[in-house]
Amino acid sequence: MKRCMIVDDSSVIRKVAKRILTGPEMVVVEAGTGAQGLDMCAAQMPDIIVVDGGLPDMPTVEFIRSAMAIPSAVRPRIMICIPQFDLGAIMRAKRAGAAGYLMKPFNRSQLLERFRQVQQAA
Protein backbone atom coordinates (compact mmCIF):
# COMPACT_ATOMS: atom_id res chain seq x y z
CA MET A 1 0.00 0.00 0.00
CA LYS A 2 1.32 3.44 -0.95
CA ARG A 3 1.52 6.24 1.56
CA CYS A 4 1.02 9.95 0.83
CA MET A 5 1.50 12.93 3.13
CA ILE A 6 -0.20 16.32 2.65
CA VAL A 7 1.75 19.13 4.35
CA ASP A 8 -0.25 22.37 4.39
CA ASP A 9 -1.29 24.84 7.07
CA SER A 10 -4.79 24.96 5.56
CA SER A 11 -6.97 22.23 7.04
CA VAL A 12 -9.37 22.69 4.09
CA ILE A 13 -6.64 21.94 1.51
CA ARG A 14 -5.50 18.91 3.54
CA LYS A 15 -9.04 17.53 3.87
CA VAL A 16 -9.89 18.04 0.19
CA ALA A 17 -6.64 16.42 -0.99
CA LYS A 18 -7.05 13.55 1.46
CA ARG A 19 -10.61 12.91 0.31
CA ILE A 20 -9.51 12.86 -3.34
CA LEU A 21 -6.43 10.66 -2.89
CA THR A 22 -7.51 8.14 -0.24
CA GLY A 23 -8.38 4.77 -1.71
CA PRO A 24 -7.84 1.03 -1.36
CA GLU A 25 -4.20 1.35 -2.44
CA MET A 26 -3.38 4.72 -0.85
CA VAL A 27 -3.18 5.83 2.77
CA VAL A 28 -3.09 9.61 3.21
CA VAL A 29 -1.75 11.34 6.33
CA GLU A 30 -1.73 15.06 7.14
CA ALA A 31 0.67 17.56 8.70
CA GLY A 32 -0.12 21.21 9.41
CA THR A 33 3.49 22.45 9.53
CA GLY A 34 6.84 21.57 8.03
CA ALA A 35 8.15 20.46 11.43
CA GLN A 36 5.21 18.07 11.91
CA GLY A 37 5.77 16.75 8.40
CA LEU A 38 9.46 16.10 9.02
CA ASP A 39 8.68 14.32 12.30
CA MET A 40 6.20 12.12 10.45
CA CYS A 41 8.75 11.45 7.67
CA ALA A 42 11.30 10.37 10.28
CA ALA A 43 8.77 7.97 11.81
CA GLN A 44 7.56 6.52 8.48
CA MET A 45 8.61 8.01 5.16
CA PRO A 46 5.71 8.40 2.72
CA ASP A 47 6.03 7.46 -0.94
CA ILE A 48 4.68 10.83 -2.06
CA ILE A 49 4.61 14.20 -0.29
CA VAL A 50 2.40 17.10 -1.41
CA VAL A 51 3.79 20.20 0.31
CA ASP A 52 2.48 23.76 0.46
CA GLY A 53 4.73 26.27 -1.30
CA GLY A 54 4.31 28.66 1.64
CA LEU A 55 4.75 26.76 4.89
CA PRO A 56 4.27 28.90 8.02
CA ASP A 57 7.28 27.59 9.91
CA MET A 58 10.04 27.05 7.33
CA PRO A 59 10.89 27.65 3.68
CA THR A 60 9.51 24.91 1.45
CA VAL A 61 12.96 24.28 -0.05
CA GLU A 62 14.31 23.64 3.46
CA PHE A 63 11.48 21.16 4.07
CA ILE A 64 12.27 19.34 0.80
CA ARG A 65 16.01 19.14 1.51
CA SER A 66 15.39 17.98 5.08
CA ALA A 67 12.86 15.33 4.02
CA MET A 68 15.21 14.02 1.33
CA ALA A 69 18.07 13.83 3.87
CA ILE A 70 16.17 11.58 6.29
CA PRO A 71 17.62 8.06 6.06
CA SER A 72 14.91 5.77 4.68
CA ALA A 73 14.46 2.83 2.34
CA VAL A 74 11.78 4.95 0.64
CA ARG A 75 12.87 7.83 -1.60
CA PRO A 76 9.81 10.11 -1.56
CA ARG A 77 8.47 11.89 -4.63
CA ILE A 78 7.69 15.47 -3.61
CA MET A 79 5.22 17.81 -5.26
CA ILE A 80 4.90 21.47 -4.24
CA CYS A 81 1.50 23.15 -4.20
CA ILE A 82 1.63 26.87 -5.12
CA PRO A 83 -1.07 29.57 -5.46
CA GLN A 84 0.38 31.15 -8.60
CA PHE A 85 2.84 30.14 -11.28
CA ASP A 86 6.32 31.09 -10.05
CA LEU A 87 9.08 29.65 -12.22
CA GLY A 88 11.76 30.64 -9.69
CA ALA A 89 9.99 28.83 -6.83
CA ILE A 90 9.41 25.77 -9.00
CA MET A 91 13.06 25.63 -10.09
CA ARG A 92 14.34 26.08 -6.52
CA ALA A 93 12.04 23.28 -5.36
CA LYS A 94 13.16 21.00 -8.20
CA ARG A 95 16.84 21.68 -7.43
CA ALA A 96 16.10 20.74 -3.81
CA GLY A 97 14.54 17.44 -4.91
CA ALA A 98 10.89 18.09 -5.82
CA ALA A 99 9.49 16.05 -8.69
CA GLY A 100 6.76 18.48 -9.74
CA TYR A 101 4.25 21.15 -8.82
CA LEU A 102 0.50 21.71 -8.58
CA MET A 103 -1.38 24.99 -8.76
CA LYS A 104 -3.95 25.72 -6.06
CA PRO A 105 -6.79 25.91 -5.79
CA PHE A 106 -6.97 22.57 -7.57
CA ASN A 107 -9.83 20.34 -8.58
CA ARG A 108 -10.09 16.56 -8.48
CA SER A 109 -8.91 15.95 -12.05
CA GLN A 110 -5.92 18.33 -11.71
CA LEU A 111 -4.73 16.71 -8.48
CA LEU A 112 -5.16 13.17 -9.80
CA GLU A 113 -3.37 13.99 -13.08
CA ARG A 114 -0.37 15.60 -11.34
CA PHE A 115 -0.31 12.75 -8.84
CA ARG A 116 -0.18 10.20 -11.68
CA GLN A 117 2.63 12.13 -13.39
CA VAL A 118 4.72 12.20 -10.21
CA GLN A 119 4.11 8.47 -9.59
CA GLN A 120 5.06 7.54 -13.16
CA ALA A 121 8.26 9.58 -12.96
CA ALA A 122 9.43 7.44 -10.02
C-alpha atoms as a PDB file:
ATOM      1  CA  MET A   1       0.000   0.000   0.000  1.00  0.00           C
ATOM      2  CA  LYS A   2       1.315   3.442  -0.953  1.00  0.00           C
ATOM      3  CA  ARG A   3       1.517   6.242   1.563  1.00  0.00           C
ATOM      4  CA  CYS A   4       1.015   9.948   0.828  1.00  0.00           C
ATOM      5  CA  MET A   5       1.496  12.928   3.125  1.00  0.00           C
ATOM      6  CA  ILE A   6      -0.196  16.315   2.648  1.00  0.00           C
ATOM      7  CA  VAL A   7       1.752  19.130   4.351  1.00  0.00           C
ATOM      8  CA  ASP A   8      -0.251  22.365   4.387  1.00  0.00           C
ATOM      9  CA  ASP A   9      -1.294  24.843   7.071  1.00  0.00           C
ATOM     10  CA  SER A  10      -4.792  24.959   5.557  1.00  0.00           C
ATOM     11  CA  SER A  11      -6.966  22.231   7.038  1.00  0.00           C
ATOM     12  CA  VAL A  12      -9.373  22.695   4.093  1.00  0.00           C
ATOM     13  CA  ILE A  13      -6.644  21.936   1.508  1.00  0.00           C
ATOM     14  CA  ARG A  14      -5.500  18.911   3.536  1.00  0.00           C
ATOM     15  CA  LYS A  15      -9.040  17.528   3.874  1.00  0.00           C
ATOM     16  CA  VAL A  16      -9.890  18.044   0.187  1.00  0.00           C
ATOM     17  CA  ALA A  17      -6.637  16.424  -0.991  1.00  0.00           C
ATOM     18  CA  LYS A  18      -7.047  13.554   1.463  1.00  0.00           C
ATOM     19  CA  ARG A  19     -10.613  12.915   0.312  1.00  0.00           C
ATOM     20  CA  ILE A  20      -9.510  12.856  -3.342  1.00  0.00           C
ATOM     21  CA  LEU A  21      -6.425  10.664  -2.889  1.00  0.00           C
ATOM     22  CA  THR A  22      -7.506   8.141  -0.238  1.00  0.00           C
ATOM     23  CA  GLY A  23      -8.378   4.768  -1.707  1.00  0.00           C
ATOM     24  CA  PRO A  24      -7.839   1.032  -1.363  1.00  0.00           C
ATOM     25  CA  GLU A  25      -4.202   1.350  -2.437  1.00  0.00           C
ATOM     26  CA  MET A  26      -3.381   4.722  -0.847  1.00  0.00           C
ATOM     27  CA  VAL A  27      -3.184   5.835   2.766  1.00  0.00           C
ATOM     28  CA  VAL A  28      -3.086   9.613   3.209  1.00  0.00           C
ATOM     29  CA  VAL A  29      -1.751  11.340   6.328  1.00  0.00           C
ATOM     30  CA  GLU A  30      -1.729  15.060   7.137  1.00  0.00           C
ATOM     31  CA  ALA A  31       0.670  17.561   8.695  1.00  0.00           C
ATOM     32  CA  GLY A  32      -0.116  21.214   9.407  1.00  0.00           C
ATOM     33  CA  THR A  33       3.489  22.448   9.533  1.00  0.00           C
ATOM     34  CA  GLY A  34       6.839  21.571   8.033  1.00  0.00           C
ATOM     35  CA  ALA A  35       8.153  20.456  11.432  1.00  0.00           C
ATOM     36  CA  GLN A  36       5.207  18.073  11.913  1.00  0.00           C
ATOM     37  CA  GLY A  37       5.772  16.746   8.402  1.00  0.00           C
ATOM     38  CA  LEU A  38       9.464  16.101   9.023  1.00  0.00           C
ATOM     39  CA  ASP A  39       8.681  14.324  12.303  1.00  0.00           C
ATOM     40  CA  MET A  40       6.201  12.119  10.449  1.00  0.00           C
ATOM     41  CA  CYS A  41       8.747  11.447   7.674  1.00  0.00           C
ATOM     42  CA  ALA A  42      11.301  10.369  10.279  1.00  0.00           C
ATOM     43  CA  ALA A  43       8.765   7.966  11.812  1.00  0.00           C
ATOM     44  CA  GLN A  44       7.556   6.516   8.483  1.00  0.00           C
ATOM     45  CA  MET A  45       8.615   8.013   5.161  1.00  0.00           C
ATOM     46  CA  PRO A  46       5.708   8.405   2.723  1.00  0.00           C
ATOM     47  CA  ASP A  47       6.034   7.460  -0.939  1.00  0.00           C
ATOM     48  CA  ILE A  48       4.676  10.833  -2.063  1.00  0.00           C
ATOM     49  CA  ILE A  49       4.609  14.203  -0.295  1.00  0.00           C
ATOM     50  CA  VAL A  50       2.403  17.101  -1.415  1.00  0.00           C
ATOM     51  CA  VAL A  51       3.787  20.201   0.309  1.00  0.00           C
ATOM     52  CA  ASP A  52       2.484  23.758   0.461  1.00  0.00           C
ATOM     53  CA  GLY A  53       4.735  26.268  -1.301  1.00  0.00           C
ATOM     54  CA  GLY A  54       4.313  28.660   1.644  1.00  0.00           C
ATOM     55  CA  LEU A  55       4.751  26.762   4.892  1.00  0.00           C
ATOM     56  CA  PRO A  56       4.269  28.899   8.021  1.00  0.00           C
ATOM     57  CA  ASP A  57       7.283  27.586   9.915  1.00  0.00           C
ATOM     58  CA  MET A  58      10.037  27.051   7.330  1.00  0.00           C
ATOM     59  CA  PRO A  59      10.895  27.648   3.681  1.00  0.00           C
ATOM     60  CA  THR A  60       9.513  24.905   1.445  1.00  0.00           C
ATOM     61  CA  VAL A  61      12.961  24.284  -0.052  1.00  0.00           C
ATOM     62  CA  GLU A  62      14.308  23.636   3.457  1.00  0.00           C
ATOM     63  CA  PHE A  63      11.484  21.158   4.074  1.00  0.00           C
ATOM     64  CA  ILE A  64      12.271  19.344   0.797  1.00  0.00           C
ATOM     65  CA  ARG A  65      16.007  19.138   1.512  1.00  0.00           C
ATOM     66  CA  SER A  66      15.388  17.977   5.078  1.00  0.00           C
ATOM     67  CA  ALA A  67      12.861  15.327   4.024  1.00  0.00           C
ATOM     68  CA  MET A  68      15.205  14.015   1.326  1.00  0.00           C
ATOM     69  CA  ALA A  69      18.066  13.832   3.865  1.00  0.00           C
ATOM     70  CA  ILE A  70      16.169  11.579   6.290  1.00  0.00           C
ATOM     71  CA  PRO A  71      17.618   8.055   6.058  1.00  0.00           C
ATOM     72  CA  SER A  72      14.914   5.770   4.679  1.00  0.00           C
ATOM     73  CA  ALA A  73      14.461   2.829   2.339  1.00  0.00           C
ATOM     74  CA  VAL A  74      11.781   4.947   0.636  1.00  0.00           C
ATOM     75  CA  ARG A  75      12.868   7.829  -1.602  1.00  0.00           C
ATOM     76  CA  PRO A  76       9.813  10.113  -1.559  1.00  0.00           C
ATOM     77  CA  ARG A  77       8.465  11.890  -4.625  1.00  0.00           C
ATOM     78  CA  ILE A  78       7.694  15.466  -3.609  1.00  0.00           C
ATOM     79  CA  MET A  79       5.222  17.811  -5.262  1.00  0.00           C
ATOM     80  CA  ILE A  80       4.902  21.472  -4.235  1.00  0.00           C
ATOM     81  CA  CYS A  81       1.503  23.153  -4.203  1.00  0.00           C
ATOM     82  CA  ILE A  82       1.625  26.868  -5.117  1.00  0.00           C
ATOM     83  CA  PRO A  83      -1.074  29.569  -5.460  1.00  0.00           C
ATOM     84  CA  GLN A  84       0.384  31.150  -8.601  1.00  0.00           C
ATOM     85  CA  PHE A  85       2.844  30.143 -11.276  1.00  0.00           C
ATOM     86  CA  ASP A  86       6.315  31.094 -10.050  1.00  0.00           C
ATOM     87  CA  LEU A  87       9.084  29.648 -12.216  1.00  0.00           C
ATOM     88  CA  GLY A  88      11.759  30.635  -9.689  1.00  0.00           C
ATOM     89  CA  ALA A  89       9.989  28.832  -6.827  1.00  0.00           C
ATOM     90  CA  ILE A  90       9.410  25.772  -9.005  1.00  0.00           C
ATOM     91  CA  MET A  91      13.057  25.627 -10.091  1.00  0.00           C
ATOM     92  CA  ARG A  92      14.340  26.083  -6.517  1.00  0.00           C
ATOM     93  CA  ALA A  93      12.043  23.276  -5.364  1.00  0.00           C
ATOM     94  CA  LYS A  94      13.161  21.003  -8.202  1.00  0.00           C
ATOM     95  CA  ARG A  95      16.842  21.675  -7.435  1.00  0.00           C
ATOM     96  CA  ALA A  96      16.104  20.740  -3.808  1.00  0.00           C
ATOM     97  CA  GLY A  97      14.540  17.441  -4.908  1.00  0.00           C
ATOM     98  CA  ALA A  98      10.886  18.093  -5.819  1.00  0.00           C
ATOM     99  CA  ALA A  99       9.486  16.053  -8.695  1.00  0.00           C
ATOM    100  CA  GLY A 100       6.762  18.481  -9.741  1.00  0.00           C
ATOM    101  CA  TYR A 101       4.249  21.145  -8.817  1.00  0.00           C
ATOM    102  CA  LEU A 102       0.504  21.709  -8.581  1.00  0.00           C
ATOM    103  CA  MET A 103      -1.378  24.988  -8.758  1.00  0.00           C
ATOM    104  CA  LYS A 104      -3.948  25.724  -6.063  1.00  0.00           C
ATOM    105  CA  PRO A 105      -6.790  25.912  -5.793  1.00  0.00           C
ATOM    106  CA  PHE A 106      -6.967  22.569  -7.575  1.00  0.00           C
ATOM    107  CA  ASN A 107      -9.833  20.341  -8.576  1.00  0.00           C
ATOM    108  CA  ARG A 108     -10.093  16.564  -8.480  1.00  0.00           C
ATOM    109  CA  SER A 109      -8.905  15.948 -12.047  1.00  0.00           C
ATOM    110  CA  GLN A 110      -5.921  18.332 -11.709  1.00  0.00           C
ATOM    111  CA  LEU A 111      -4.730  16.712  -8.480  1.00  0.00           C
ATOM    112  CA  LEU A 112      -5.156  13.173  -9.797  1.00  0.00           C
ATOM    113  CA  GLU A 113      -3.367  13.991 -13.081  1.00  0.00           C
ATOM    114  CA  ARG A 114      -0.374  15.602 -11.336  1.00  0.00           C
ATOM    115  CA  PHE A 115      -0.314  12.755  -8.841  1.00  0.00           C
ATOM    116  CA  ARG A 116      -0.177  10.203 -11.684  1.00  0.00           C
ATOM    117  CA  GLN A 117       2.633  12.134 -13.390  1.00  0.00           C
ATOM    118  CA  VAL A 118       4.716  12.197 -10.208  1.00  0.00           C
ATOM    119  CA  GLN A 119       4.113   8.472  -9.586  1.00  0.00           C
ATOM    120  CA  GLN A 120       5.060   7.538 -13.156  1.00  0.00           C
ATOM    121  CA  ALA A 121       8.262   9.585 -12.964  1.00  0.00           C
ATOM    122  CA  ALA A 122       9.430   7.445 -10.021  1.00  0.00           C
END
